[in-house]
N, C-alpha and C. Protein backbone atom coordinates (compact mmCIF):
# COMPACT_ATOMS: atom_id res chain seq x y z
N MET A 1 204.04 103.24 -8.41
CA MET A 1 202.37 103.04 -9.17
C MET A 1 202.77 102.20 -10.22
N PRO A 2 201.75 101.18 -10.33
CA PRO A 2 201.47 100.00 -11.21
C PRO A 2 200.94 100.79 -12.55
N GLU A 3 201.44 99.93 -13.23
CA GLU A 3 200.85 100.29 -14.74
C GLU A 3 199.79 100.19 -15.24
N ARG A 4 198.84 101.02 -16.03
CA ARG A 4 197.55 100.29 -16.26
C ARG A 4 197.34 100.20 -17.59
N LYS A 5 196.99 99.08 -18.03
CA LYS A 5 196.52 98.09 -18.99
C LYS A 5 195.60 98.97 -20.14
N PRO A 6 195.81 98.79 -21.20
CA PRO A 6 194.27 99.73 -21.96
C PRO A 6 193.76 99.73 -21.49
N ARG A 7 192.92 97.99 -21.43
CA ARG A 7 191.70 97.46 -20.97
C ARG A 7 191.09 98.48 -19.67
N ASP A 8 191.97 98.53 -18.63
CA ASP A 8 191.64 99.32 -17.82
C ASP A 8 190.85 100.69 -17.98
N LEU A 9 191.16 101.27 -18.88
CA LEU A 9 191.35 102.87 -19.12
C LEU A 9 189.53 102.46 -20.11
N GLY A 10 189.50 101.36 -20.59
CA GLY A 10 188.04 101.81 -21.65
C GLY A 10 186.51 101.30 -20.51
N ARG A 11 186.95 101.03 -19.49
CA ARG A 11 185.63 100.61 -17.77
C ARG A 11 185.55 102.11 -17.58
N TRP A 12 186.51 102.94 -17.37
CA TRP A 12 186.47 104.31 -16.21
C TRP A 12 185.29 105.17 -16.15
N PRO A 13 184.68 104.77 -17.88
CA PRO A 13 183.49 105.96 -17.99
C PRO A 13 182.38 105.00 -17.34
N GLU A 14 182.24 103.59 -17.45
CA GLU A 14 181.45 103.06 -17.15
C GLU A 14 181.24 102.72 -15.54
N ILE A 15 182.58 102.72 -14.82
CA ILE A 15 182.82 102.85 -13.52
C ILE A 15 182.56 104.10 -12.42
N ILE A 16 182.75 105.50 -13.25
CA ILE A 16 182.67 106.89 -13.04
C ILE A 16 180.67 107.36 -13.12
N ARG A 17 180.20 106.70 -14.46
CA ARG A 17 178.54 106.55 -14.31
C ARG A 17 178.31 106.02 -13.15
N ARG A 18 178.99 104.78 -12.90
CA ARG A 18 178.11 104.23 -11.74
C ARG A 18 178.21 104.59 -10.27
N GLN A 19 179.41 105.44 -10.17
CA GLN A 19 179.45 106.23 -9.12
C GLN A 19 178.85 107.54 -8.95
N VAL A 20 178.93 107.66 -10.01
CA VAL A 20 177.66 109.25 -9.88
C VAL A 20 176.76 108.79 -9.42
N ARG A 21 175.94 107.97 -10.14
CA ARG A 21 174.81 107.51 -9.76
C ARG A 21 174.12 106.97 -8.55
N ASP A 22 175.39 106.01 -7.87
CA ASP A 22 175.29 106.06 -6.72
C ASP A 22 175.25 107.44 -5.61
N LEU A 23 176.23 108.05 -6.23
CA LEU A 23 176.23 109.46 -5.06
C LEU A 23 175.04 110.47 -5.14
N ARG A 24 174.70 110.84 -6.53
CA ARG A 24 172.93 111.24 -6.60
C ARG A 24 172.29 110.18 -5.63
N ARG A 25 172.43 109.09 -5.89
CA ARG A 25 170.75 108.53 -4.91
C ARG A 25 170.79 108.77 -4.15
N ALA A 26 172.47 108.27 -3.18
CA ALA A 26 172.24 109.06 -1.59
C ALA A 26 172.35 110.05 -0.91
N ALA A 27 172.68 111.16 -2.16
CA ALA A 27 171.75 112.40 -1.86
C ALA A 27 170.85 112.42 -1.55
N GLU A 28 169.57 112.49 -2.76
CA GLU A 28 168.28 112.42 -2.84
C GLU A 28 167.76 111.41 -1.67
N GLU A 29 168.31 110.41 -1.24
CA GLU A 29 167.56 109.96 0.17
C GLU A 29 168.52 110.73 1.20
N GLU A 30 169.42 111.46 1.18
CA GLU A 30 169.53 111.88 2.53
C GLU A 30 168.56 113.60 2.63
N HIS A 31 168.13 113.70 1.30
CA HIS A 31 167.96 115.04 0.99
C HIS A 31 166.03 114.62 1.88
N ARG A 32 165.66 113.77 1.29
CA ARG A 32 164.06 113.31 1.67
C ARG A 32 163.91 113.06 3.09
N LEU A 33 165.44 112.77 3.94
CA LEU A 33 164.86 112.11 5.07
C LEU A 33 164.79 113.54 5.91
N LEU A 34 165.64 114.21 5.53
CA LEU A 34 166.15 115.54 6.11
C LEU A 34 165.12 116.29 5.99
N ALA A 35 164.09 116.02 4.92
CA ALA A 35 163.34 116.59 4.45
C ALA A 35 161.85 116.82 5.40
N GLN A 36 161.86 115.27 5.64
CA GLN A 36 160.87 114.53 6.23
C GLN A 36 160.75 115.21 7.78
N LEU A 37 162.11 115.41 8.00
CA LEU A 37 162.39 115.25 9.83
C LEU A 37 161.96 117.00 9.12
N ALA A 38 162.21 118.06 8.84
CA ALA A 38 162.19 119.49 9.07
C ALA A 38 160.62 119.36 8.61
N TYR A 39 159.34 118.98 8.17
CA TYR A 39 158.27 118.58 8.01
C TYR A 39 157.80 118.11 9.23
N LEU A 40 158.14 117.53 9.58
CA LEU A 40 157.26 116.87 10.92
C LEU A 40 157.56 117.43 12.43
N GLY A 41 159.12 118.22 12.30
CA GLY A 41 159.61 119.26 13.25
C GLY A 41 158.37 120.68 13.06
N THR A 42 158.72 121.20 11.77
CA THR A 42 157.21 122.27 11.48
C THR A 42 155.96 121.97 12.13
N ALA A 43 155.22 120.18 12.30
CA ALA A 43 154.07 120.06 12.51
C ALA A 43 153.96 120.40 13.86
N GLY A 44 155.36 119.86 14.42
CA GLY A 44 155.34 119.80 15.60
C GLY A 44 155.33 121.28 16.75
N LEU A 45 155.75 122.46 15.84
CA LEU A 45 156.10 123.40 16.14
C LEU A 45 154.66 124.20 16.40
N VAL A 46 154.12 124.21 15.18
CA VAL A 46 152.45 125.06 14.56
C VAL A 46 151.87 124.37 15.62
N LEU A 47 151.36 123.04 16.42
CA LEU A 47 150.82 122.84 17.04
C LEU A 47 151.10 123.01 18.50
N VAL A 48 152.33 123.25 19.20
CA VAL A 48 152.55 123.75 20.30
C VAL A 48 152.74 125.05 20.85
N LEU A 49 152.94 125.96 19.42
CA LEU A 49 153.25 127.15 19.94
C LEU A 49 151.63 128.06 20.23
N PRO A 50 150.88 127.77 19.63
CA PRO A 50 149.53 128.77 20.33
C PRO A 50 149.46 128.13 21.44
N ALA A 51 149.33 126.93 21.54
CA ALA A 51 149.03 126.50 23.45
C ALA A 51 150.42 127.29 24.27
N VAL A 52 151.10 127.31 24.05
CA VAL A 52 151.98 128.09 24.40
C VAL A 52 151.89 129.47 25.03
N ALA A 53 151.66 130.07 23.75
CA ALA A 53 151.12 131.04 23.73
C ALA A 53 150.01 131.68 24.31
N GLY A 54 148.97 130.92 24.36
CA GLY A 54 147.51 130.83 25.28
C GLY A 54 148.18 130.57 26.64
N ALA A 55 148.92 129.49 27.21
CA ALA A 55 149.48 129.68 28.28
C ALA A 55 149.79 130.57 29.68
N TYR A 56 151.18 131.73 28.42
CA TYR A 56 151.54 132.49 28.71
C TYR A 56 150.42 133.58 29.13
N LEU A 57 149.71 134.03 27.62
CA LEU A 57 148.89 135.08 27.79
C LEU A 57 147.85 134.93 28.76
N GLY A 58 147.37 133.69 29.30
CA GLY A 58 146.81 133.49 30.44
C GLY A 58 146.34 133.29 31.82
N ARG A 59 148.39 132.98 31.92
CA ARG A 59 148.63 133.10 32.98
C ARG A 59 148.89 134.82 33.05
N TRP A 60 149.36 135.67 32.08
CA TRP A 60 149.44 137.02 32.34
C TRP A 60 147.73 137.89 33.03
N LEU A 61 147.22 137.17 32.34
CA LEU A 61 145.65 137.74 32.75
C LEU A 61 145.24 137.68 33.75
N ASP A 62 145.97 136.06 34.08
CA ASP A 62 145.19 135.73 35.61
C ASP A 62 145.77 136.37 36.93
N SER A 63 147.31 136.86 36.05
CA SER A 63 147.97 137.75 37.63
C SER A 63 147.40 139.09 37.32
N LEU A 64 146.42 139.40 36.47
CA LEU A 64 145.91 141.02 36.65
C LEU A 64 144.42 140.81 36.86
N MET A 65 143.69 139.69 37.45
CA MET A 65 142.74 139.78 38.34
C MET A 65 143.10 138.96 39.15
N PRO A 66 142.70 139.40 40.28
CA PRO A 66 142.73 138.92 41.73
C PRO A 66 140.90 137.73 41.92
N GLY A 67 141.38 136.41 41.98
CA GLY A 67 140.58 135.87 42.12
C GLY A 67 140.01 134.82 41.01
N TYR A 68 140.67 134.83 40.02
CA TYR A 68 140.74 133.98 38.70
C TYR A 68 141.65 132.71 38.77
N SER A 69 142.70 132.62 39.71
CA SER A 69 143.48 131.86 39.88
C SER A 69 144.19 131.33 38.56
N VAL A 70 143.56 130.32 37.69
CA VAL A 70 143.81 129.72 36.56
C VAL A 70 142.83 129.30 35.60
N GLN A 71 141.94 130.33 35.45
CA GLN A 71 140.65 130.04 34.64
C GLN A 71 140.97 130.77 33.27
N TRP A 72 141.77 132.10 33.12
CA TRP A 72 142.53 132.36 31.77
C TRP A 72 142.84 131.60 31.20
N THR A 73 144.05 130.77 32.21
CA THR A 73 145.60 129.91 31.69
C THR A 73 144.51 128.36 31.14
N LEU A 74 143.78 128.10 31.78
CA LEU A 74 143.33 126.79 31.01
C LEU A 74 142.46 127.06 30.03
N SER A 75 141.86 128.19 29.93
CA SER A 75 140.93 128.42 29.02
C SER A 75 141.77 128.69 27.90
N LEU A 76 143.08 129.54 27.73
CA LEU A 76 143.47 129.89 26.63
C LEU A 76 144.19 128.55 25.99
N ILE A 77 144.83 128.06 26.61
CA ILE A 77 145.23 127.13 26.42
C ILE A 77 144.42 126.21 25.80
N LEU A 78 143.41 125.43 26.26
CA LEU A 78 142.68 125.07 25.03
C LEU A 78 142.22 125.79 23.85
N VAL A 79 142.34 126.84 23.61
CA VAL A 79 142.13 127.70 22.30
C VAL A 79 142.94 127.56 21.93
N GLY A 80 144.63 127.77 22.25
CA GLY A 80 145.54 127.42 21.41
C GLY A 80 145.95 125.70 21.01
N LEU A 81 145.24 125.02 21.83
CA LEU A 81 145.50 123.80 21.14
C LEU A 81 144.20 123.85 20.11
N GLY A 82 143.16 124.05 20.27
CA GLY A 82 142.38 123.67 19.35
C GLY A 82 142.64 124.93 18.28
N LEU A 83 143.61 126.05 17.95
CA LEU A 83 144.20 126.73 16.66
C LEU A 83 145.43 125.74 16.42
N GLY A 84 146.07 125.49 17.31
CA GLY A 84 147.38 124.41 17.08
C GLY A 84 147.09 123.35 16.13
N ILE A 85 145.87 122.65 16.44
CA ILE A 85 144.89 121.52 15.64
C ILE A 85 144.63 122.01 14.14
N VAL A 86 143.66 123.02 14.41
CA VAL A 86 143.55 123.34 13.05
C VAL A 86 144.74 124.13 12.17
N ASN A 87 145.91 124.60 13.19
CA ASN A 87 146.92 124.76 11.63
C ASN A 87 147.56 123.71 11.05
N VAL A 88 147.87 122.50 12.15
CA VAL A 88 148.38 121.08 11.51
C VAL A 88 147.61 120.69 10.19
N TRP A 89 146.26 120.61 10.67
CA TRP A 89 145.52 120.19 9.48
C TRP A 89 145.65 120.79 8.22
N LEU A 90 145.46 122.32 8.40
CA LEU A 90 145.73 123.45 7.21
C LEU A 90 147.28 122.68 6.55
N LEU A 91 148.39 122.71 7.59
CA LEU A 91 149.57 122.20 6.96
C LEU A 91 149.94 121.23 6.08
N PHE A 92 149.14 119.96 6.85
CA PHE A 92 149.04 118.75 6.05
C PHE A 92 148.33 118.69 4.79
N ARG A 93 147.12 119.56 4.74
CA ARG A 93 146.21 119.77 3.90
C ARG A 93 146.94 120.45 2.31
N GLU A 94 147.74 121.31 2.89
CA GLU A 94 148.51 121.76 1.54
C GLU A 94 149.13 120.60 0.90
N ASP A 95 149.64 119.73 1.16
CA ASP A 95 150.59 118.72 0.89
C ASP A 95 149.80 117.38 0.07
């Protein structure tokens, strides 16, 4: 191992501070990106889940009543989409 000169030891605090600052900045940027992806994923689920629940409920109601074929399914999908849109609006309004 090569011997270190005394002047190299004087620069270590500066080098360490710079590296710590760079690591913190990288961690913050990664955190922001992951937080944004999680937020968008949550917004997507909040929009889609009521519509899917409406589709399943409507399909079940249509199977109970002969002659209604897809009337309940379509109606409850639209209601679910409306609820999903309101949920997304409320989610975005919080921030």
